[in-house]
C-alpha atoms as a PDB file:
ATOM      1  CA  MET A   1     -86.259 -15.008   2.683  1.00  0.00           C
ATOM      2  CA  ASN A   2     -87.139 -11.643   4.245  1.00  0.00           C
ATOM      3  CA  VAL A   3     -82.999 -10.445   4.639  1.00  0.00           C
ATOM      4  CA  ALA A   4     -84.558  -7.600   7.131  1.00  0.00           C
ATOM      5  CA  LEU A   5     -84.552 -10.003   9.869  1.00  0.00           C
ATOM      6  CA  PHE A   6     -80.614  -9.881   9.109  1.00  0.00           C
ATOM      7  CA  PRO A   7     -77.829  -7.945  10.246  1.00  0.00           C
ATOM      8  CA  ASP A   8     -75.788  -5.551   8.027  1.00  0.00           C
ATOM      9  CA  LEU A   9     -72.529  -6.572   7.325  1.00  0.00           C
ATOM     10  CA  ILE A  10     -70.213  -4.111   7.809  1.00  0.00           C
ATOM     11  CA  VAL A  11     -66.289  -4.944   7.034  1.00  0.00           C
ATOM     12  CA  ASN A  12     -64.209  -1.799   8.097  1.00  0.00           C
ATOM     13  CA  GLY A  13     -66.368   0.734   8.171  1.00  0.00           C
ATOM     14  CA  GLU A  14     -67.849  -0.530   4.593  1.00  0.00           C
ATOM     15  CA  LEU A  15     -71.474  -1.260   4.524  1.00  0.00           C
ATOM     16  CA  VAL A  16     -72.234  -3.931   2.107  1.00  0.00           C
ATOM     17  CA  PRO A  17     -75.130  -4.217  -0.162  1.00  0.00           C
ATOM     18  CA  HIS A  18     -77.890  -7.040   1.317  1.00  0.00           C
ATOM     19  CA  ALA A  19     -78.200  -7.952  -2.551  1.00  0.00           C
ATOM     20  CA  LEU A  20     -74.696  -9.432  -2.509  1.00  0.00           C
ATOM     21  CA  VAL A  21     -75.112 -11.214   0.547  1.00  0.00           C
ATOM     22  CA  ALA A  22     -78.657 -13.101  -1.083  1.00  0.00           C
ATOM     23  CA  ALA A  23     -76.599 -13.525  -4.312  1.00  0.00           C
ATOM     24  CA  GLU A  24     -74.496 -15.973  -2.453  1.00  0.00           C
ATOM     25  CA  THR A  25     -76.641 -17.783  -0.923  1.00  0.00           C
ATOM     26  CA  GLN A  26     -77.063 -19.940  -4.082  1.00  0.00           C
ATOM     27  CA  ASN A  27     -73.751 -21.072  -3.735  1.00  0.00           C
ATOM     28  CA  GLN A  28     -74.138 -22.200  -0.272  1.00  0.00           C
ATOM     29  CA  GLU A  29     -75.210 -25.797   1.054  1.00  0.00           C
ATOM     30  CA  ALA A  30     -77.915 -25.400   3.636  1.00  0.00           C
ATOM     31  CA  PRO A  31     -80.462 -28.143   5.407  1.00  0.00           C
ATOM     32  CA  LYS A  32     -84.114 -27.457   3.819  1.00  0.00           C
ATOM     33  CA  GLY A  33     -86.425 -25.338   5.299  1.00  0.00           C
ATOM     34  CA  LYS A  34     -83.198 -23.277   7.152  1.00  0.00           C
ATOM     35  CA  PRO A  35     -82.107 -20.703   4.652  1.00  0.00           C
ATOM     36  CA  GLY A  36     -80.535 -18.572   7.656  1.00  0.00           C
ATOM     37  CA  ILE A  37     -77.863 -21.223   7.456  1.00  0.00           C
ATOM     38  CA  ALA A  38     -77.314 -20.352   4.127  1.00  0.00           C
ATOM     39  CA  TRP A  39     -77.483 -16.612   4.687  1.00  0.00           C
ATOM     40  CA  ARG A  40     -75.283 -17.007   7.458  1.00  0.00           C
ATOM     41  CA  LYS A  41     -72.677 -18.866   5.433  1.00  0.00           C
ATOM     42  CA  ALA A  42     -73.045 -16.434   2.164  1.00  0.00           C
ATOM     43  CA  THR A  43     -72.605 -13.834   4.950  1.00  0.00           C
ATOM     44  CA  ASN A  44     -69.416 -15.053   6.001  1.00  0.00           C
ATOM     45  CA  ALA A  45     -67.843 -15.559   2.202  1.00  0.00           C
ATOM     46  CA  VAL A  46     -69.022 -11.871   0.935  1.00  0.00           C
ATOM     47  CA  ALA A  47     -66.885 -10.809   4.401  1.00  0.00           C
ATOM     48  CA  ILE A  48     -64.175 -12.376   3.367  1.00  0.00           C
ATOM     49  CA  ARG A  49     -64.182 -11.031  -0.466  1.00  0.00           C
ATOM     50  CA  THR A  50     -64.652  -7.461   0.865  1.00  0.00           C
ATOM     51  CA  LEU A  51     -61.686  -7.753   3.193  1.00  0.00           C
ATOM     52  CA  LEU A  52     -59.837  -9.234   0.294  1.00  0.00           C
ATOM     53  CA  LEU A  53     -60.688  -6.449  -1.945  1.00  0.00           C
ATOM     54  CA  GLN A  54     -60.031  -3.861   0.365  1.00  0.00           C
ATOM     55  CA  GLU A  55     -56.461  -5.225   0.752  1.00  0.00           C
ATOM     56  CA  ALA A  56     -56.056  -5.520  -3.025  1.00  0.00           C
ATOM     57  CA  VAL A  57     -56.804  -1.804  -2.788  1.00  0.00           C
ATOM     58  CA  ALA A  58     -54.861  -1.085  -0.186  1.00  0.00           C
ATOM     59  CA  ARG A  59     -51.676  -2.496  -1.860  1.00  0.00           C
ATOM     60  CA  GLY A  60     -52.298  -1.240  -5.246  1.00  0.00           C
ATOM     61  CA  VAL A  61     -53.232  -4.392  -6.902  1.00  0.00           C
ATOM     62  CA  THR A  62     -54.734  -3.587 -10.068  1.00  0.00           C
ATOM     63  CA  PRO A  63     -57.430  -6.154 -12.070  1.00  0.00           C
ATOM     64  CA  ALA A  64     -55.168  -8.142 -15.339  1.00  0.00           C
ATOM     65  CA  ARG A  65     -58.167 -10.274 -16.064  1.00  0.00           C
ATOM     66  CA  GLN A  66     -56.970 -14.089 -17.574  1.00  0.00           C
ATOM     67  CA  GLU A  67     -59.092 -16.430 -19.644  1.00  0.00           C
ATOM     68  CA  VAL A  68     -60.481 -19.300 -17.218  1.00  0.00           C
ATOM     69  CA  GLY A  69     -61.711 -21.077 -20.280  1.00  0.00           C
ATOM     70  CA  PRO A  70     -62.583 -20.856 -23.713  1.00  0.00           C
ATOM     71  CA  GLY A  71     -64.215 -16.979 -24.299  1.00  0.00           C
ATOM     72  CA  ARG A  72     -64.779 -17.187 -20.347  1.00  0.00           C
ATOM     73  CA  PHE A  73     -62.740 -14.421 -18.590  1.00  0.00           C
ATOM     74  CA  GLU A  74     -62.596 -13.166 -14.790  1.00  0.00           C
ATOM     75  CA  THR A  75     -64.448 -10.828 -13.718  1.00  0.00           C
ATOM     76  CA  ASP A  76     -62.326  -7.495 -11.916  1.00  0.00           C
ATOM     77  CA  GLU A  77     -62.933  -8.586  -8.809  1.00  0.00           C
ATOM     78  CA  GLU A  78     -61.933 -12.185  -9.364  1.00  0.00           C
ATOM     79  CA  ALA A  79     -58.642 -10.712 -10.851  1.00  0.00           C
ATOM     80  CA  GLN A  80     -57.852  -8.239  -8.506  1.00  0.00           C
ATOM     81  CA  ILE A  81     -58.296 -11.555  -5.748  1.00  0.00           C
ATOM     82  CA  ARG A  82     -55.647 -13.719  -7.738  1.00  0.00           C
ATOM     83  CA  GLY A  83     -53.493 -10.677  -8.135  1.00  0.00           C
ATOM     84  CA  LEU A  84     -53.350 -10.387  -4.420  1.00  0.00           C
ATOM     85  CA  LEU A  85     -53.170 -13.558  -3.201  1.00  0.00           C
ATOM     86  CA  GLU A  86     -50.097 -14.252  -6.312  1.00  0.00           C
ATOM     87  CA  GLN A  87     -48.417 -10.859  -4.162  1.00  0.00           C
ATOM     88  CA  ALA A  88     -48.989 -11.931  -0.655  1.00  0.00           C
ATOM     89  CA  VAL A  89     -48.891 -15.745  -0.877  1.00  0.00           C
ATOM     90  CA  SER A  90     -45.574 -17.965  -1.958  1.00  0.00           C
ATOM     91  CA  VAL A  91     -44.471 -21.221  -0.848  1.00  0.00           C
ATOM     92  CA  THR A  92     -41.209 -23.118  -1.561  1.00  0.00           C
ATOM     93  CA  PRO A  93     -41.621 -25.970  -3.487  1.00  0.00           C
ATOM     94  CA  PRO A  94     -40.835 -29.120  -1.865  1.00  0.00           C
ATOM     95  CA  ASN A  95     -37.092 -30.747  -1.837  1.00  0.00           C
ATOM     96  CA  ALA A  96     -36.506 -34.739  -3.515  1.00  0.00           C
ATOM     97  CA  LYS A  97     -36.455 -35.408  -0.237  1.00  0.00           C
ATOM     98  CA  GLU A  98     -40.079 -34.547   0.944  1.00  0.00           C
ATOM     99  CA  ILE A  99     -41.700 -35.594  -2.067  1.00  0.00           C
ATOM    100  CA  LYS A 100     -39.822 -38.679  -1.740  1.00  0.00           C
ATOM    101  CA  ALA A 101     -41.328 -39.444   2.376  1.00  0.00           C
ATOM    102  CA  GLU A 102     -44.377 -38.292   0.758  1.00  0.00           C
ATOM    103  CA  TRP A 103     -44.876 -41.265  -1.425  1.00  0.00           C
ATOM    104  CA  GLN A 104     -43.484 -43.588   0.943  1.00  0.00           C
ATOM    105  CA  LYS A 105     -46.167 -43.080   3.144  1.00  0.00           C
ATOM    106  CA  ASP A 106     -48.433 -44.824   0.968  1.00  0.00           C
ATOM    107  CA  PRO A 107     -47.281 -45.758  -2.690  1.00  0.00           C
ATOM    108  CA  SER A 108     -50.305 -47.860  -3.194  1.00  0.00           C
ATOM    109  CA  ARG A 109     -51.913 -44.408  -3.601  1.00  0.00           C
ATOM    110  CA  PHE A 110     -50.505 -43.601  -6.826  1.00  0.00           C
ATOM    111  CA  ARG A 111     -51.847 -46.125  -9.494  1.00  0.00           C
ATOM    112  CA  THR A 112     -53.308 -46.275 -13.104  1.00  0.00           C
ATOM    113  CA  PRO A 113     -56.845 -45.376 -13.600  1.00  0.00           C
ATOM    114  CA  PRO A 114     -59.385 -48.824 -12.986  1.00  0.00           C
ATOM    115  CA  LEU A 115     -60.959 -50.324 -15.814  1.00  0.00           C
ATOM    116  CA  TRP A 116     -64.696 -51.822 -15.492  1.00  0.00           C
ATOM    117  CA  GLU A 117     -66.821 -53.724 -17.127  1.00  0.00           C
ATOM    118  CA  ALA A 118     -70.850 -52.565 -16.056  1.00  0.00           C
ATOM    119  CA  SER A 119     -73.971 -53.198 -17.902  1.00  0.00           C
ATOM    120  CA  HIS A 120     -77.322 -51.734 -16.683  1.00  0.00           C
ATOM    121  CA  ILE A 121     -80.761 -51.214 -16.929  1.00  0.00           C
ATOM    122  CA  LEU A 122     -82.271 -48.070 -17.403  1.00  0.00           C
ATOM    123  CA  CYS A 123     -85.872 -46.682 -17.003  1.00  0.00           C
ATOM    124  CA  ALA A 124     -84.979 -43.078 -18.827  1.00  0.00           C
ATOM    125  CA  CYS A 125     -86.688 -39.717 -17.689  1.00  0.00           C
ATOM    126  CA  ASP A 126     -85.789 -36.093 -16.819  1.00  0.00           C
ATOM    127  CA  PRO A 127     -84.987 -36.343 -12.768  1.00  0.00           C
ATOM    128  CA  ARG A 128     -86.557 -32.838 -12.839  1.00  0.00           C
ATOM    129  CA  ASP A 129     -89.795 -33.980 -13.559  1.00  0.00           C
ATOM    130  CA  ALA A 130     -91.379 -34.977 -10.969  1.00  0.00           C
ATOM    131  CA  GLU A 131     -94.059 -36.906 -12.675  1.00  0.00           C
ATOM    132  CA  ALA A 132     -91.582 -38.322 -14.935  1.00  0.00           C
ATOM    133  CA  ARG A 133     -89.262 -39.427 -11.964  1.00  0.00           C
ATOM    134  CA  GLN A 134     -92.176 -41.256 -10.049  1.00  0.00           C
ATOM    135  CA  LYS A 135     -93.078 -43.178 -12.783  1.00  0.00           C
ATOM    136  CA  ALA A 136     -89.518 -44.010 -13.864  1.00  0.00           C
ATOM    137  CA  LEU A 137     -88.628 -45.363  -9.847  1.00  0.00           C
ATOM    138  CA  SER A 138     -92.069 -47.479  -9.977  1.00  0.00           C
ATOM    139  CA  ARG A 139     -91.368 -49.121 -13.377  1.00  0.00           C
ATOM    140  CA  ILE A 140     -87.266 -49.235 -12.236  1.00  0.00           C
ATOM    141  CA  THR A 141     -88.586 -51.064  -8.590  1.00  0.00           C
ATOM    142  CA  ALA A 142     -90.984 -53.429 -10.577  1.00  0.00           C
ATOM    143  CA  ILE A 143     -87.685 -54.657 -13.038  1.00  0.00           C
ATOM    144  CA  ALA A 144     -85.594 -54.719  -9.551  1.00  0.00           C
ATOM    145  CA  ALA A 145     -88.179 -57.318  -8.046  1.00  0.00           C
ATOM    146  CA  VAL A 146     -88.345 -59.561 -11.503  1.00  0.00           C
ATOM    147  CA  LEU A 147     -84.265 -59.476 -11.241  1.00  0.00           C
ATOM    148  CA  ALA A 148     -84.166 -60.650  -7.748  1.00  0.00           C
ATOM    149  CA  GLY A 149     -86.221 -63.587  -8.503  1.00  0.00           C
ATOM    150  CA  ASP A 150     -83.839 -64.063 -11.594  1.00  0.00           C
ATOM    151  CA  PRO A 151     -80.251 -62.414 -11.004  1.00  0.00           C
ATOM    152  CA  LYS A 152     -79.171 -64.956 -14.362  1.00  0.00           C
ATOM    153  CA  GLY A 153     -81.761 -63.257 -16.349  1.00  0.00           C
ATOM    154  CA  PHE A 154     -80.007 -59.677 -16.297  1.00  0.00           C
ATOM    155  CA  ALA A 155     -79.313 -59.580 -20.251  1.00  0.00           C
ATOM    156  CA  ALA A 156     -82.735 -60.411 -21.139  1.00  0.00           C
ATOM    157  CA  LEU A 157     -84.322 -58.506 -18.741  1.00  0.00           C
ATOM    158  CA  ALA A 158     -82.077 -55.382 -19.822  1.00  0.00           C
ATOM    159  CA  ALA A 159     -82.538 -56.546 -23.992  1.00  0.00           C
ATOM    160  CA  ARG A 160     -86.611 -56.343 -22.860  1.00  0.00           C
ATOM    161  CA  GLU A 161     -86.702 -53.310 -20.261  1.00  0.00           C
ATOM    162  CA  SER A 162     -83.958 -51.073 -20.434  1.00  0.00           C
ATOM    163  CA  GLU A 163     -84.147 -47.557 -22.674  1.00  0.00           C
ATOM    164  CA  CYS A 164     -80.651 -47.373 -23.475  1.00  0.00           C
ATOM    165  CA  GLY A 165     -78.795 -48.605 -26.993  1.00  0.00           C
ATOM    166  CA  SER A 166     -76.987 -51.067 -24.930  1.00  0.00           C
ATOM    167  CA  LYS A 167     -80.342 -53.179 -24.665  1.00  0.00           C
ATOM    168  CA  ASP A 168     -78.831 -55.153 -27.793  1.00  0.00           C
ATOM    169  CA  SER A 169     -75.979 -56.128 -26.082  1.00  0.00           C
ATOM    170  CA  GLY A 170     -78.088 -57.001 -22.914  1.00  0.00           C
ATOM    171  CA  GLY A 171     -77.231 -53.972 -21.347  1.00  0.00           C
ATOM    172  CA  ALA A 172     -73.157 -54.335 -21.471  1.00  0.00           C
ATOM    173  CA  LEU A 173     -71.333 -51.177 -21.625  1.00  0.00           C
ATOM    174  CA  GLY A 174     -68.418 -52.387 -21.687  1.00  0.00           C
ATOM    175  CA  GLN A 175     -65.329 -51.480 -20.845  1.00  0.00           C
ATOM    176  CA  LEU A 176     -64.864 -48.300 -18.518  1.00  0.00           C
ATOM    177  CA  GLY A 177     -62.638 -45.734 -17.151  1.00  0.00           C
ATOM    178  CA  PRO A 178     -62.833 -42.654 -15.008  1.00  0.00           C
ATOM    179  CA  GLY A 179     -64.893 -40.054 -16.936  1.00  0.00           C
ATOM    180  CA  ASP A 180     -67.029 -42.266 -19.128  1.00  0.00           C
ATOM    181  CA  THR A 181     -69.906 -42.423 -17.287  1.00  0.00           C
ATOM    182  CA  VAL A 182     -71.534 -39.499 -15.294  1.00  0.00           C
ATOM    183  CA  PRO A 183     -70.089 -39.118 -12.021  1.00  0.00           C
ATOM    184  CA  GLU A 184     -73.044 -40.622 -10.259  1.00  0.00           C
ATOM    185  CA  PHE A 185     -72.815 -43.326 -12.137  1.00  0.00           C
ATOM    186  CA  GLU A 186     -68.863 -43.807 -11.784  1.00  0.00           C
ATOM    187  CA  ALA A 187     -69.375 -43.116  -7.894  1.00  0.00           C
ATOM    188  CA  VAL A 188     -71.531 -46.471  -7.719  1.00  0.00           C
ATOM    189  CA  LEU A 189     -69.183 -48.624  -9.283  1.00  0.00           C
ATOM    190  CA  ARG A 190     -66.111 -47.818  -7.541  1.00  0.00           C
ATOM    191  CA  LYS A 191     -68.279 -49.122  -4.745  1.00  0.00           C
ATOM    192  CA  LEU A 192     -69.662 -51.934  -5.723  1.00  0.00           C
ATOM    193  CA  SER A 193     -67.668 -55.573  -5.677  1.00  0.00           C
ATOM    194  CA  GLU A 194     -66.792 -58.140  -8.897  1.00  0.00           C
ATOM    195  CA  GLY A 195     -70.313 -59.307 -10.346  1.00  0.00           C
ATOM    196  CA  GLU A 196     -72.223 -57.256  -7.531  1.00  0.00           C
ATOM    197  CA  THR A 197     -75.521 -55.762  -8.642  1.00  0.00           C
ATOM    198  CA  THR A 198     -76.632 -52.725  -7.097  1.00  0.00           C
ATOM    199  CA  SER A 199     -79.605 -53.325  -4.582  1.00  0.00           C
ATOM    200  CA  GLU A 200     -81.446 -50.155  -4.750  1.00  0.00           C
ATOM    201  CA  PRO A 201     -82.349 -48.565  -8.059  1.00  0.00           C
ATOM    202  CA  VAL A 202     -79.524 -45.674  -8.804  1.00  0.00           C
ATOM    203  CA  LEU A 203     -80.608 -42.232  -9.983  1.00  0.00           C
ATOM    204  CA  THR A 204     -78.745 -39.497 -12.276  1.00  0.00           C
ATOM    205  CA  ARG A 205     -79.330 -36.794 -15.218  1.00  0.00           C
ATOM    206  CA  HIS A 206     -80.115 -39.760 -17.606  1.00  0.00           C
ATOM    207  CA  GLY A 207     -83.016 -41.510 -15.023  1.00  0.00           C
ATOM    208  CA  TYR A 208     -82.928 -44.321 -12.536  1.00  0.00           C
ATOM    209  CA  HIS A 209     -80.521 -47.449 -13.533  1.00  0.00           C
ATOM    210  CA  ILE A 210     -79.674 -51.352 -12.402  1.00  0.00           C
ATOM    211  CA  ILE A 211     -76.195 -51.433 -12.283  1.00  0.00           C
ATOM    212  CA  ARG A 212     -73.988 -54.657 -12.177  1.00  0.00           C
ATOM    213  CA  LEU A 213     -70.378 -54.607 -12.281  1.00  0.00           C
ATOM    214  CA  ASP A 214     -69.248 -57.654 -14.605  1.00  0.00           C
ATOM    215  CA  ALA A 215     -65.359 -57.192 -13.901  1.00  0.00           C
ATOM    216  CA  LEU A 216     -62.862 -55.080 -12.185  1.00  0.00           C
ATOM    217  CA  ALA A 217     -59.554 -54.126 -13.696  1.00  0.00           C
ATOM    218  CA  GLU A 218     -57.636 -52.645  -9.994  1.00  0.00           C
ATOM    219  CA  GLY A 219     -54.666 -50.232 -11.215  1.00  0.00           C
ATOM    220  CA  GLN A 220     -51.239 -51.122 -11.108  1.00  0.00           C
ATOM    221  CA  VAL A 221     -48.836 -49.216  -8.257  1.00  0.00           C
ATOM    222  CA  LEU A 222     -46.390 -46.521 -10.526  1.00  0.00           C
ATOM    223  CA  PRO A 223     -43.210 -46.312  -9.325  1.00  0.00           C
ATOM    224  CA  PHE A 224     -41.825 -43.274  -7.678  1.00  0.00           C
ATOM    225  CA  GLU A 225     -40.310 -41.914 -10.765  1.00  0.00           C
ATOM    226  CA  ALA A 226     -43.366 -41.722 -12.915  1.00  0.00           C
ATOM    227  CA  VAL A 227     -45.379 -39.768  -9.975  1.00  0.00           C
ATOM    228  CA  ARG A 228     -42.525 -37.366  -8.898  1.00  0.00           C
ATOM    229  CA  SER A 229     -43.915 -34.355 -10.368  1.00  0.00           C
ATOM    230  CA  LYS A 230     -47.579 -35.037  -9.880  1.00  0.00           C
ATOM    231  CA  ILE A 231     -46.549 -35.581  -6.006  1.00  0.00           C
ATOM    232  CA  ALA A 232     -44.660 -32.334  -6.114  1.00  0.00           C
ATOM    233  CA  GLU A 233     -47.292 -30.183  -7.551  1.00  0.00           C
ATOM    234  CA  ALA A 234     -50.084 -31.762  -4.949  1.00  0.00           C
ATOM    235  CA  MET A 235     -47.579 -30.920  -2.569  1.00  0.00           C
ATOM    236  CA  GLU A 236     -47.391 -27.343  -3.521  1.00  0.00           C
ATOM    237  CA  LYS A 237     -50.993 -26.624  -4.246  1.00  0.00           C
ATOM    238  CA  ALA A 238     -51.626 -27.502  -0.691  1.00  0.00           C
ATOM    239  CA  ALA A 239     -49.468 -25.424   0.857  1.00  0.00           C
ATOM    240  CA  TRP A 240     -50.197 -22.958  -1.042  1.00  0.00           C
ATOM    241  CA  ALA A 241     -53.860 -23.469  -0.390  1.00  0.00           C
ATOM    242  CA  LYS A 242     -52.567 -23.044   3.834  1.00  0.00           C
ATOM    243  CA  GLU A 243     -51.054 -20.708   3.389  1.00  0.00           C
ATOM    244  CA  ALA A 244     -53.643 -18.622   1.588  1.00  0.00           C
ATOM    245  CA  ARG A 245     -55.770 -19.718   4.431  1.00  0.00           C
ATOM    246  CA  ASP A 246     -53.693 -18.497   6.579  1.00  0.00           C
ATOM    247  CA  PHE A 247     -53.212 -14.943   5.134  1.00  0.00           C
ATOM    248  CA  VAL A 248     -57.052 -14.810   5.422  1.00  0.00           C
ATOM    249  CA  ASP A 249     -57.385 -15.677   9.104  1.00  0.00           C
ATOM    250  CA  GLN A 250     -54.934 -13.352   9.436  1.00  0.00           C
ATOM    251  CA  LEU A 251     -57.069 -10.056   7.914  1.00  0.00           C
ATOM    252  CA  VAL A 252     -60.018 -11.433   9.791  1.00  0.00           C
ATOM    253  CA  LYS A 253     -58.338 -10.955  13.133  1.00  0.00           C
ATOM    254  CA  GLY A 254     -56.941  -7.562  11.505  1.00  0.00           C
ATOM    255  CA  ALA A 255     -60.667  -6.947  10.743  1.00  0.00           C
ATOM    256  CA  ASP A 256     -63.177  -4.737  12.474  1.00  0.00           C
ATOM    257  CA  ILE A 257     -66.697  -6.981  11.074  1.00  0.00           C
ATOM    258  CA  GLU A 258     -70.153  -6.262  12.323  1.00  0.00           C
ATOM    259  CA  GLY A 259     -73.127  -8.729  10.935  1.00  0.00           C
ATOM    260  CA  ALA A 260     -71.052 -11.867  10.475  1.00  0.00           C
ATOM    261  CA  ASP A 261     -70.048 -15.349  12.653  1.00  0.00           C
ATOM    262  CA  PHE A 262     -66.529 -17.148  11.916  1.00  0.00           C
ATOM    263  CA  SER A 263     -66.975 -19.033  15.163  1.00  0.00           C
ATOM    264  CA  MET A 264     -69.471 -21.393  12.481  1.00  0.00           C
ATOM    265  CA  VAL A 265     -66.566 -22.186   9.938  1.00  0.00           C
END
C-alpha cells in the first residue's frame, strides 16, 4: 500500500505518523483488493485513540497499568485511556423494576446451555496450506458423495475414512456443550436440526468435516431469580458502553481533525 496516497492525519494540531495508521490497518476488515477502506477505518480508529490520549493528558490522567492476563499487562496508552473512561463515564446500576422488565421481554433468552450429541468424518489438513487444503477438500467431497447414496452407512464410512480418533466409535463425539469444540464446529451444531447432516463440507482449523447432529437437548429456561444478577450486569455494561460512545462522539464533535472521515462510521 502506498501510504503517500493518503492524507496526513492531524488531530487538534498534532500530526499522527503514517506508521501508526499502517499498523492499525491489520485490525480492520475490508473487501479483498480494497486496502483504502482498511486504511480509512484505521485512520478513524487512530484519530479516536489520539483524541482520548489528548483528553487524558488534559485531565491529568496518569497510566496505572493493570494485568489483563497471566503475566500480560496493559500498555501505558491502554491504561491511560482506561483511566480516562473510568473518570469520565459513569452509569447508575439498574433497579429491580428495570431488571425484571428486561427479563419479561423474553424469558426464553435465559437458558441452561444446550447439549449436542454429534458425529463427524474428518479429512485433516492445515487450512493455511493451500495444497493440503485442496487435497482434503477433494477427499471429503468424494466421501460426501458416497454418504449421499447411503446415509445409514455414516458410522461405517467414518470408521474407514475419518482421520479423527472418533473413527473407532463410528465418528461419534459423544455429548458436547458450548466451548467443547472449536468455534467453527460449534457454529454448525447450533444451526443443525436433530438427525441432520451437513450438506457441504465444513472447514475448521483441523480440516474438513462432515457433521451429523445425532441428538439435541435444548437448554431449560431459567427462573428470574437465577439470572437476576447476570441481567443486571449485562444492562450495566450496555449502559456503560453507550455512555462511552457518547463521550467519544462529543470529543470528535469538539475536535479539529484533518485526514479522517467519520461519515463512514
